[in-house]
Amino acid sequence: MRWYSRPKEVDGGIKAQTKRGSFCRNWWSKKWIEIIESFDIHTRLARGRTYARKGQVVSIDISKGKITAKVQGSWDMYNVKIGIAPIEKNQWLEITKLLSSQLIYISQLSARHMPHNIEEVFQSAGCSLLPLKQRDLETSCSCPDWSNPCKHIAAVYYIIGEEFDRDPFLIFKLRGMDEVELMKNLGVDVKVPKETVKRLDFKASPLRADRFWSEDFAEEPDNLDFMVPSVSMPLVKRLGNFPLWQGKDDFNKTLENIYNSVSKNMLNKAKISLD
């Protein structure tokens, strides 16, 4: 029987949001996990899943062609590196040309959704968006384990899958083109318009901070109607889960409980004030 040492507990590590069962929700992130699990590293993947769910991954950085991470192991903090060759510029030119030729691609990507047949576009350019084989990924870890990939690398694989779930543009970035570059090449400007910035210029506001809490600040309307929103924090939910959340509990669920509590408290105070 092989003996496994227990990793040191981490306070504030990046925990996988899926508590049990399969990782990820969207097809592209599930595809990433499917590819990773097709590698012949079954025992290390199982240990990696445990590490991911326990929050042993401390930090992750995704850049063009490279992922760097720190993972707390049994004895020390280990440095993990995962590399993948960026797609060539001429191939990206062909890819963006094909994507921009179909409105459905632009529409889905603008909605932050990965088109189902996008791999066909990359294949037409002679490459692939996701890695196809284990040798497509160059991995290293500073741990003393002779296995490569080790359980620390496997843990990063799973956390990265959840990050791809949250933001599909991270996959493009890993392959050499970030969101702003990609959408610009597709004719979509993702920057905040200057007109919006001007509308948010509070210097032009006639309000005076020193009178805000005074009784004569504004007349109280007669038809005030206070109620708890039927859907809590809708704008926050549209943004999705917090990137690389390091809390012990689910971020959105925790925040929703706070929103609901504040709403109810303010409702009670408003009723007392109007009585």
C-alpha atoms as a PDB file:
ATOM      1  CA  MET A   1       0.000   0.000   0.000  1.00  0.00           C
ATOM      2  CA  ARG A   2       1.319   3.436  -0.966  1.00  0.00           C
ATOM      3  CA  TRP A   3       1.388   6.031   1.790  1.00  0.00           C
ATOM      4  CA  TYR A   4       0.359   9.614   1.015  1.00  0.00           C
ATOM      5  CA  SER A   5       1.286  12.539   3.249  1.00  0.00           C
ATOM      6  CA  ARG A   6      -1.380  15.084   4.064  1.00  0.00           C
ATOM      7  CA  PRO A   7      -0.793  18.595   2.607  1.00  0.00           C
ATOM      8  CA  LYS A   8      -0.461  21.592   4.903  1.00  0.00           C
ATOM      9  CA  GLU A   9      -3.722  23.471   5.223  1.00  0.00           C
ATOM     10  CA  VAL A  10      -3.881  26.820   3.476  1.00  0.00           C
ATOM     11  CA  ASP A  11      -5.700  29.868   4.810  1.00  0.00           C
ATOM     12  CA  GLY A  12      -7.152  31.757   1.846  1.00  0.00           C
ATOM     13  CA  GLY A  13      -6.245  29.329  -0.933  1.00  0.00           C
ATOM     14  CA  ILE A  14      -8.157  29.165  -4.232  1.00  0.00           C
ATOM     15  CA  LYS A  15     -10.854  26.549  -3.722  1.00  0.00           C
ATOM     16  CA  ALA A  16     -12.681  24.800  -6.524  1.00  0.00           C
ATOM     17  CA  GLN A  17     -16.330  25.902  -6.549  1.00  0.00           C
ATOM     18  CA  THR A  18     -17.617  22.425  -7.433  1.00  0.00           C
ATOM     19  CA  LYS A  19     -17.872  20.478  -4.197  1.00  0.00           C
ATOM     20  CA  ARG A  20     -18.423  17.030  -5.688  1.00  0.00           C
ATOM     21  CA  GLY A  21     -18.887  15.303  -9.010  1.00  0.00           C
ATOM     22  CA  SER A  22     -17.553  16.702 -12.268  1.00  0.00           C
ATOM     23  CA  PHE A  23     -15.760  20.033 -12.547  1.00  0.00           C
ATOM     24  CA  CYS A  24     -17.073  23.022 -14.546  1.00  0.00           C
ATOM     25  CA  ARG A  25     -20.411  23.827 -16.211  1.00  0.00           C
ATOM     26  CA  ASN A  26     -19.766  25.066 -19.764  1.00  0.00           C
ATOM     27  CA  TRP A  27     -18.833  22.838 -22.671  1.00  0.00           C
ATOM     28  CA  TRP A  28     -15.441  24.454 -23.349  1.00  0.00           C
ATOM     29  CA  SER A  29     -14.203  24.133 -19.758  1.00  0.00           C
ATOM     30  CA  LYS A  30     -15.581  20.579 -19.573  1.00  0.00           C
ATOM     31  CA  LYS A  31     -13.665  19.852 -22.771  1.00  0.00           C
ATOM     32  CA  TRP A  32     -10.476  21.104 -21.091  1.00  0.00           C
ATOM     33  CA  ILE A  33     -11.069  18.761 -18.145  1.00  0.00           C
ATOM     34  CA  GLU A  34     -11.918  15.895 -20.505  1.00  0.00           C
ATOM     35  CA  ILE A  35      -8.617  16.365 -22.353  1.00  0.00           C
ATOM     36  CA  ILE A  36      -6.640  16.573 -19.097  1.00  0.00           C
ATOM     37  CA  GLU A  37      -8.316  13.444 -17.747  1.00  0.00           C
ATOM     38  CA  SER A  38      -7.484  11.570 -20.944  1.00  0.00           C
ATOM     39  CA  PHE A  39      -3.801  11.749 -19.993  1.00  0.00           C
ATOM     40  CA  ASP A  40      -2.426   8.612 -18.348  1.00  0.00           C
ATOM     41  CA  ILE A  41      -1.988  10.200 -14.874  1.00  0.00           C
ATOM     42  CA  HIS A  42      -5.025   8.811 -13.050  1.00  0.00           C
ATOM     43  CA  THR A  43      -3.709   8.684  -9.459  1.00  0.00           C
ATOM     44  CA  ARG A  44      -2.156  12.143  -9.677  1.00  0.00           C
ATOM     45  CA  LEU A  45      -5.390  13.541 -11.126  1.00  0.00           C
ATOM     46  CA  ALA A  46      -7.337  12.172  -8.165  1.00  0.00           C
ATOM     47  CA  ARG A  47      -4.870  13.811  -5.762  1.00  0.00           C
ATOM     48  CA  GLY A  48      -5.002  16.985  -7.848  1.00  0.00           C
ATOM     49  CA  ARG A  49      -8.797  17.130  -7.533  1.00  0.00           C
ATOM     50  CA  THR A  50      -8.456  16.822  -3.751  1.00  0.00           C
ATOM     51  CA  TYR A  51      -5.863  19.604  -3.681  1.00  0.00           C
ATOM     52  CA  ALA A  52      -8.096  21.832  -5.845  1.00  0.00           C
ATOM     53  CA  ARG A  53     -11.117  21.337  -3.596  1.00  0.00           C
ATOM     54  CA  LYS A  54      -9.105  21.845  -0.397  1.00  0.00           C
ATOM     55  CA  GLY A  55      -7.742  25.192  -1.635  1.00  0.00           C
ATOM     56  CA  GLN A  56      -4.074  24.155  -1.858  1.00  0.00           C
ATOM     57  CA  VAL A  57      -3.550  26.323  -4.956  1.00  0.00           C
ATOM     58  CA  VAL A  58      -2.435  29.682  -3.563  1.00  0.00           C
ATOM     59  CA  SER A  59      -2.020  31.800  -6.701  1.00  0.00           C
ATOM     60  CA  ILE A  60      -2.368  31.539 -10.481  1.00  0.00           C
ATOM     61  CA  ASP A  61      -1.302  33.817 -13.311  1.00  0.00           C
ATOM     62  CA  ILE A  62      -2.367  33.232 -16.930  1.00  0.00           C
ATOM     63  CA  SER A  63      -0.354  34.952 -19.634  1.00  0.00           C
ATOM     64  CA  LYS A  64       0.250  34.330 -23.319  1.00  0.00           C
ATOM     65  CA  GLY A  65       1.570  30.790 -23.688  1.00  0.00           C
ATOM     66  CA  LYS A  66       2.178  30.302 -19.970  1.00  0.00           C
ATOM     67  CA  ILE A  67       0.503  29.546 -16.657  1.00  0.00           C
ATOM     68  CA  THR A  68       2.402  30.047 -13.401  1.00  0.00           C
ATOM     69  CA  ALA A  69       1.062  29.015 -10.015  1.00  0.00           C
ATOM     70  CA  LYS A  70       2.001  28.355  -6.404  1.00  0.00           C
ATOM     71  CA  VAL A  71       0.681  25.244  -4.680  1.00  0.00           C
ATOM     72  CA  GLN A  72       1.064  24.341  -1.018  1.00  0.00           C
ATOM     73  CA  GLY A  73       2.187  20.746  -0.682  1.00  0.00           C
ATOM     74  CA  SER A  74       2.939  18.507   2.288  1.00  0.00           C
ATOM     75  CA  TRP A  75       6.291  20.096   3.067  1.00  0.00           C
ATOM     76  CA  ASP A  76       6.678  23.309   1.132  1.00  0.00           C
ATOM     77  CA  MET A  77       5.160  25.830  -1.284  1.00  0.00           C
ATOM     78  CA  TYR A  78       5.872  24.653  -4.828  1.00  0.00           C
ATOM     79  CA  ASN A  79       6.143  26.608  -8.068  1.00  0.00           C
ATOM     80  CA  VAL A  80       4.181  25.201 -10.996  1.00  0.00           C
ATOM     81  CA  LYS A  81       4.700  26.159 -14.637  1.00  0.00           C
ATOM     82  CA  ILE A  82       2.504  25.073 -17.542  1.00  0.00           C
ATOM     83  CA  GLY A  83       3.453  26.142 -21.042  1.00  0.00           C
ATOM     84  CA  ILE A  84       1.720  25.822 -24.398  1.00  0.00           C
ATOM     85  CA  ALA A  85       2.995  27.144 -27.705  1.00  0.00           C
ATOM     86  CA  PRO A  86       1.117  30.317 -28.769  1.00  0.00           C
ATOM     87  CA  ILE A  87      -0.642  30.167 -32.112  1.00  0.00           C
ATOM     88  CA  GLU A  88       1.340  31.778 -34.949  1.00  0.00           C
ATOM     89  CA  LYS A  89       0.399  35.301 -36.097  1.00  0.00           C
ATOM     90  CA  ASN A  90      -0.494  34.200 -39.615  1.00  0.00           C
ATOM     91  CA  GLN A  91      -2.796  31.533 -38.156  1.00  0.00           C
ATOM     92  CA  TRP A  92      -4.469  34.082 -35.876  1.00  0.00           C
ATOM     93  CA  LEU A  93      -5.001  36.282 -38.927  1.00  0.00           C
ATOM     94  CA  GLU A  94      -6.807  33.436 -40.670  1.00  0.00           C
ATOM     95  CA  ILE A  95      -8.792  32.581 -37.520  1.00  0.00           C
ATOM     96  CA  THR A  96     -10.042  36.148 -36.942  1.00  0.00           C
ATOM     97  CA  LYS A  97     -10.890  36.433 -40.635  1.00  0.00           C
ATOM     98  CA  LEU A  98     -13.044  33.292 -40.423  1.00  0.00           C
ATOM     99  CA  LEU A  99     -14.665  34.360 -37.143  1.00  0.00           C
ATOM    100  CA  SER A 100     -15.513  37.853 -38.405  1.00  0.00           C
ATOM    101  CA  SER A 101     -17.159  36.392 -41.513  1.00  0.00           C
ATOM    102  CA  GLN A 102     -19.971  34.892 -39.414  1.00  0.00           C
ATOM    103  CA  LEU A 103     -22.206  37.161 -37.333  1.00  0.00           C
ATOM    104  CA  ILE A 104     -23.116  34.270 -35.018  1.00  0.00           C
ATOM    105  CA  TYR A 105     -19.487  33.960 -33.907  1.00  0.00           C
ATOM    106  CA  ILE A 106     -19.257  37.677 -33.114  1.00  0.00           C
ATOM    107  CA  SER A 107     -22.604  37.594 -31.310  1.00  0.00           C
ATOM    108  CA  GLN A 108     -21.726  34.608 -29.116  1.00  0.00           C
ATOM    109  CA  LEU A 109     -18.244  35.868 -28.259  1.00  0.00           C
ATOM    110  CA  SER A 110     -19.661  39.309 -27.415  1.00  0.00           C
ATOM    111  CA  ALA A 111     -21.944  37.500 -24.968  1.00  0.00           C
ATOM    112  CA  ARG A 112     -18.843  35.764 -23.522  1.00  0.00           C
ATOM    113  CA  HIS A 113     -19.921  32.377 -24.832  1.00  0.00           C
ATOM    114  CA  MET A 114     -17.646  30.043 -26.764  1.00  0.00           C
ATOM    115  CA  PRO A 115     -19.220  28.965 -30.092  1.00  0.00           C
ATOM    116  CA  HIS A 116     -19.706  25.180 -30.186  1.00  0.00           C
ATOM    117  CA  ASN A 117     -17.954  24.678 -33.515  1.00  0.00           C
ATOM    118  CA  ILE A 118     -15.091  27.068 -32.880  1.00  0.00           C
ATOM    119  CA  GLU A 119     -12.539  24.249 -33.032  1.00  0.00           C
ATOM    120  CA  GLU A 120     -13.485  23.796 -36.702  1.00  0.00           C
ATOM    121  CA  VAL A 121     -12.380  27.389 -37.301  1.00  0.00           C
ATOM    122  CA  PHE A 122      -9.009  26.721 -35.672  1.00  0.00           C
ATOM    123  CA  GLN A 123      -8.612  23.469 -37.588  1.00  0.00           C
ATOM    124  CA  SER A 124      -9.210  25.383 -40.838  1.00  0.00           C
ATOM    125  CA  ALA A 125      -6.209  27.520 -39.874  1.00  0.00           C
ATOM    126  CA  GLY A 126      -4.099  24.409 -39.202  1.00  0.00           C
ATOM    127  CA  CYS A 127      -4.108  24.536 -35.391  1.00  0.00           C
ATOM    128  CA  SER A 128      -6.298  23.884 -32.338  1.00  0.00           C
ATOM    129  CA  LEU A 129      -7.639  26.097 -29.583  1.00  0.00           C
ATOM    130  CA  LEU A 130      -7.311  23.513 -26.815  1.00  0.00           C
ATOM    131  CA  PRO A 131      -4.372  21.133 -26.402  1.00  0.00           C
ATOM    132  CA  LEU A 132      -4.962  17.762 -28.024  1.00  0.00           C
ATOM    133  CA  LYS A 133      -2.291  15.628 -26.367  1.00  0.00           C
ATOM    134  CA  GLN A 134      -0.213  15.649 -23.204  1.00  0.00           C
ATOM    135  CA  ARG A 135       2.911  16.625 -25.139  1.00  0.00           C
ATOM    136  CA  ASP A 136       1.186  19.860 -26.204  1.00  0.00           C
ATOM    137  CA  LEU A 137       1.694  21.062 -22.619  1.00  0.00           C
ATOM    138  CA  GLU A 138       5.135  21.618 -21.109  1.00  0.00           C
ATOM    139  CA  THR A 139       4.899  21.267 -17.340  1.00  0.00           C
ATOM    140  CA  SER A 140       7.258  21.582 -14.401  1.00  0.00           C
ATOM    141  CA  CYS A 141       6.998  21.724 -10.620  1.00  0.00           C
ATOM    142  CA  SER A 142       9.605  22.483  -7.976  1.00  0.00           C
ATOM    143  CA  CYS A 143       8.400  19.580  -5.805  1.00  0.00           C
ATOM    144  CA  PRO A 144      10.634  16.492  -5.340  1.00  0.00           C
ATOM    145  CA  ASP A 145       8.087  14.171  -7.030  1.00  0.00           C
ATOM    146  CA  TRP A 146       9.664  12.465 -10.065  1.00  0.00           C
ATOM    147  CA  SER A 147       6.272  12.295 -11.790  1.00  0.00           C
ATOM    148  CA  ASN A 148       5.504  14.964 -14.347  1.00  0.00           C
ATOM    149  CA  PRO A 149       2.773  16.097 -14.220  1.00  0.00           C
ATOM    150  CA  CYS A 150       2.529  15.715 -10.461  1.00  0.00           C
ATOM    151  CA  LYS A 151      -0.495  16.245  -8.194  1.00  0.00           C
ATOM    152  CA  HIS A 152       0.374  19.943  -7.815  1.00  0.00           C
ATOM    153  CA  ILE A 153       0.225  20.456 -11.584  1.00  0.00           C
ATOM    154  CA  ALA A 154      -3.000  18.416 -11.695  1.00  0.00           C
ATOM    155  CA  ALA A 155      -4.550  20.714  -9.059  1.00  0.00           C
ATOM    156  CA  VAL A 156      -3.728  23.732 -11.222  1.00  0.00           C
ATOM    157  CA  TYR A 157      -5.306  22.001 -14.241  1.00  0.00           C
ATOM    158  CA  TYR A 158      -8.634  21.784 -12.390  1.00  0.00           C
ATOM    159  CA  ILE A 159      -8.577  25.344 -11.042  1.00  0.00           C
ATOM    160  CA  ILE A 160      -7.722  26.610 -14.526  1.00  0.00           C
ATOM    161  CA  GLY A 161     -10.728  24.684 -15.859  1.00  0.00           C
ATOM    162  CA  GLU A 162     -12.985  26.621 -13.509  1.00  0.00           C
ATOM    163  CA  GLU A 163     -11.360  29.891 -14.588  1.00  0.00           C
ATOM    164  CA  PHE A 164     -12.035  29.001 -18.227  1.00  0.00           C
ATOM    165  CA  ASP A 165     -15.617  28.309 -17.113  1.00  0.00           C
ATOM    166  CA  ARG A 166     -15.887  31.850 -15.754  1.00  0.00           C
ATOM    167  CA  ASP A 167     -14.011  33.600 -18.570  1.00  0.00           C
ATOM    168  CA  PRO A 168     -13.632  31.805 -21.938  1.00  0.00           C
ATOM    169  CA  PHE A 169     -11.334  34.564 -23.206  1.00  0.00           C
ATOM    170  CA  LEU A 170      -8.592  33.224 -20.931  1.00  0.00           C
ATOM    171  CA  ILE A 171      -8.257  30.301 -23.350  1.00  0.00           C
ATOM    172  CA  PHE A 172      -7.598  32.698 -26.220  1.00  0.00           C
ATOM    173  CA  LYS A 173      -5.120  34.596 -24.054  1.00  0.00           C
ATOM    174  CA  LEU A 174      -3.248  31.398 -23.248  1.00  0.00           C
ATOM    175  CA  ARG A 175      -2.994  30.712 -26.985  1.00  0.00           C
ATOM    176  CA  GLY A 176      -1.568  34.170 -27.674  1.00  0.00           C
ATOM    177  CA  MET A 177      -4.404  36.705 -28.082  1.00  0.00           C
ATOM    178  CA  ASP A 178      -6.247  38.434 -25.231  1.00  0.00           C
ATOM    179  CA  GLU A 179      -9.861  39.590 -25.229  1.00  0.00           C
ATOM    180  CA  VAL A 180      -9.235  43.185 -26.322  1.00  0.00           C
ATOM    181  CA  GLU A 181      -7.026  42.111 -29.246  1.00  0.00           C
ATOM    182  CA  LEU A 182      -9.414  39.400 -30.386  1.00  0.00           C
ATOM    183  CA  MET A 183     -12.566  41.507 -30.267  1.00  0.00           C
ATOM    184  CA  LYS A 184     -10.790  44.437 -31.927  1.00  0.00           C
ATOM    185  CA  ASN A 185      -9.799  42.129 -34.791  1.00  0.00           C
ATOM    186  CA  LEU A 186     -13.453  41.082 -35.022  1.00  0.00           C
ATOM    187  CA  GLY A 187     -14.508  44.723 -35.242  1.00  0.00           C
ATOM    188  CA  VAL A 188     -15.861  44.961 -31.693  1.00  0.00           C
ATOM    189  CA  ASP A 189     -14.616  47.667 -29.313  1.00  0.00           C
ATOM    190  CA  VAL A 190     -14.671  46.389 -25.718  1.00  0.00           C
ATOM    191  CA  LYS A 191     -13.330  49.611 -24.211  1.00  0.00           C
ATOM    192  CA  VAL A 192     -15.571  51.961 -22.211  1.00  0.00           C
ATOM    193  CA  PRO A 193     -16.848  54.726 -24.562  1.00  0.00           C
ATOM    194  CA  LYS A 194     -15.649  58.258 -23.741  1.00  0.00           C
ATOM    195  CA  GLU A 195     -19.278  59.450 -23.624  1.00  0.00           C
ATOM    196  CA  THR A 196     -19.946  57.024 -20.754  1.00  0.00           C
ATOM    197  CA  VAL A 197     -16.927  58.315 -18.847  1.00  0.00           C
ATOM    198  CA  LYS A 198     -18.211  61.888 -19.221  1.00  0.00           C
ATOM    199  CA  ARG A 199     -21.644  60.925 -17.911  1.00  0.00           C
ATOM    200  CA  LEU A 200     -19.937  59.478 -14.825  1.00  0.00           C
ATOM    201  CA  ASP A 201     -18.061  62.721 -14.116  1.00  0.00           C
ATOM    202  CA  PHE A 202     -19.362  63.680 -10.682  1.00  0.00           C
ATOM    203  CA  LYS A 203     -17.613  67.065 -10.741  1.00  0.00           C
ATOM    204  CA  ALA A 204     -20.496  68.369 -12.835  1.00  0.00           C
ATOM    205  CA  SER A 205     -23.038  67.311 -10.216  1.00  0.00           C
ATOM    206  CA  PRO A 206     -24.930  70.160  -8.445  1.00  0.00           C
ATOM    207  CA  LEU A 207     -25.232  68.094  -5.250  1.00  0.00           C
ATOM    208  CA  ARG A 208     -23.435  69.350  -2.153  1.00  0.00           C
ATOM    209  CA  ALA A 209     -21.940  66.829   0.262  1.00  0.00           C
ATOM    210  CA  ASP A 210     -22.307  69.158   3.260  1.00  0.00           C
ATOM    211  CA  ARG A 211     -26.111  69.296   2.783  1.00  0.00           C
ATOM    212  CA  PHE A 212     -26.669  65.617   2.050  1.00  0.00           C
ATOM    213  CA  TRP A 213     -27.811  64.665   5.570  1.00  0.00           C
ATOM    214  CA  SER A 214     -29.577  67.947   6.328  1.00  0.00           C
ATOM    215  CA  GLU A 215     -33.361  68.055   6.735  1.00  0.00           C
ATOM    216  CA  ASP A 216     -33.818  70.569   3.913  1.00  0.00           C
ATOM    217  CA  PHE A 217     -31.828  68.538   1.379  1.00  0.00           C
ATOM    218  CA  ALA A 218     -34.946  67.405  -0.455  1.00  0.00           C
ATOM    219  CA  GLU A 219     -38.656  67.170   0.097  1.00  0.00           C
ATOM    220  CA  GLU A 220     -39.783  63.687   1.056  1.00  0.00           C
ATOM    221  CA  PRO A 221     -42.093  62.174  -1.579  1.00  0.00           C
ATOM    222  CA  ASP A 222     -45.522  61.070  -0.391  1.00  0.00           C
ATOM    223  CA  ASN A 223     -45.591  57.845  -2.385  1.00  0.00           C
ATOM    224  CA  LEU A 224     -42.463  56.066  -1.269  1.00  0.00           C
ATOM    225  CA  ASP A 225     -42.684  52.304  -1.820  1.00  0.00           C
ATOM    226  CA  PHE A 226     -40.028  50.187  -0.106  1.00  0.00           C
ATOM    227  CA  MET A 227     -39.614  46.514  -0.922  1.00  0.00           C
ATOM    228  CA  VAL A 228     -36.928  43.831  -1.045  1.00  0.00           C
ATOM    229  CA  PRO A 229     -35.952  43.186  -4.715  1.00  0.00           C
ATOM    230  CA  SER A 230     -37.468  39.996  -6.144  1.00  0.00           C
ATOM    231  CA  VAL A 231     -34.064  39.121  -7.644  1.00  0.00           C
ATOM    232  CA  SER A 232     -31.097  39.821  -5.405  1.00  0.00           C
ATOM    233  CA  MET A 233     -28.011  41.591  -6.885  1.00  0.00           C
ATOM    234  CA  PRO A 234     -28.895  41.016 -10.566  1.00  0.00           C
ATOM    235  CA  LEU A 235     -25.966  43.070 -11.898  1.00  0.00           C
ATOM    236  CA  VAL A 236     -23.463  41.142  -9.794  1.00  0.00           C
ATOM    237  CA  LYS A 237     -24.903  37.829 -10.993  1.00  0.00           C
ATOM    238  CA  ARG A 238     -24.512  38.916 -14.609  1.00  0.00           C
ATOM    239  CA  LEU A 239     -20.779  39.327 -14.007  1.00  0.00           C
ATOM    240  CA  GLY A 240     -20.447  35.699 -12.909  1.00  0.00           C
ATOM    241  CA  ASN A 241     -18.322  34.242 -10.130  1.00  0.00           C
ATOM    242  CA  PHE A 242     -15.468  36.234  -8.652  1.00  0.00           C
ATOM    243  CA  PRO A 243     -12.150  35.306 -10.361  1.00  0.00           C
ATOM    244  CA  LEU A 244      -9.942  32.944  -8.347  1.00  0.00           C
ATOM    245  CA  TRP A 245     -12.119  33.316  -5.231  1.00  0.00           C
ATOM    246  CA  GLN A 246     -10.103  32.480  -2.108  1.00  0.00           C
ATOM    247  CA  GLY A 247     -12.855  32.405   0.504  1.00  0.00           C
ATOM    248  CA  LYS A 248     -14.093  29.298   2.268  1.00  0.00           C
ATOM    249  CA  ASP A 249     -17.676  29.715   0.995  1.00  0.00           C
ATOM    250  CA  ASP A 250     -19.148  30.461  -2.425  1.00  0.00           C
ATOM    251  CA  PHE A 251     -18.617  34.184  -3.186  1.00  0.00           C
ATOM    252  CA  ASN A 252     -21.955  34.967  -4.842  1.00  0.00           C
ATOM    253  CA  LYS A 253     -23.924  33.027  -2.235  1.00  0.00           C
ATOM    254  CA  THR A 254     -22.112  34.821   0.604  1.00  0.00           C
ATOM    255  CA  LEU A 255     -22.662  38.209  -1.025  1.00  0.00           C
ATOM    256  CA  GLU A 256     -26.329  37.440  -1.707  1.00  0.00           C
ATOM    257  CA  ASN A 257     -26.901  36.691   1.995  1.00  0.00           C
ATOM    258  CA  ILE A 258     -25.366  40.079   2.861  1.00  0.00           C
ATOM    259  CA  TYR A 259     -27.502  41.885   0.241  1.00  0.00           C
ATOM    260  CA  ASN A 260     -30.687  40.258   1.528  1.00  0.00           C
ATOM    261  CA  SER A 261     -29.823  41.080   5.138  1.00  0.00           C
ATOM    262  CA  VAL A 262     -29.081  44.731   4.312  1.00  0.00           C
ATOM    263  CA  SER A 263     -32.289  45.011   2.239  1.00  0.00           C
ATOM    264  CA  LYS A 264     -34.442  43.681   5.073  1.00  0.00           C
ATOM    265  CA  ASN A 265     -32.761  45.926   7.661  1.00  0.00           C
ATOM    266  CA  MET A 266     -33.224  49.019   5.477  1.00  0.00           C
ATOM    267  CA  LEU A 267     -36.854  48.029   4.838  1.00  0.00           C
ATOM    268  CA  ASN A 268     -37.515  47.804   8.572  1.00  0.00           C
ATOM    269  CA  LYS A 269     -35.826  51.168   9.211  1.00  0.00           C
ATOM    270  CA  ALA A 270     -37.807  52.788   6.388  1.00  0.00           C
ATOM    271  CA  LYS A 271     -41.099  51.511   7.804  1.00  0.00           C
ATOM    272  CA  ILE A 272     -40.229  52.824  11.281  1.00  0.00           C
ATOM    273  CA  SER A 273     -39.275  56.200   9.810  1.00  0.00           C
ATOM    274  CA  LEU A 274     -42.550  56.504   7.863  1.00  0.00           C
ATOM    275  CA  ASP A 275     -44.776  55.475  10.796  1.00  0.00           C
END
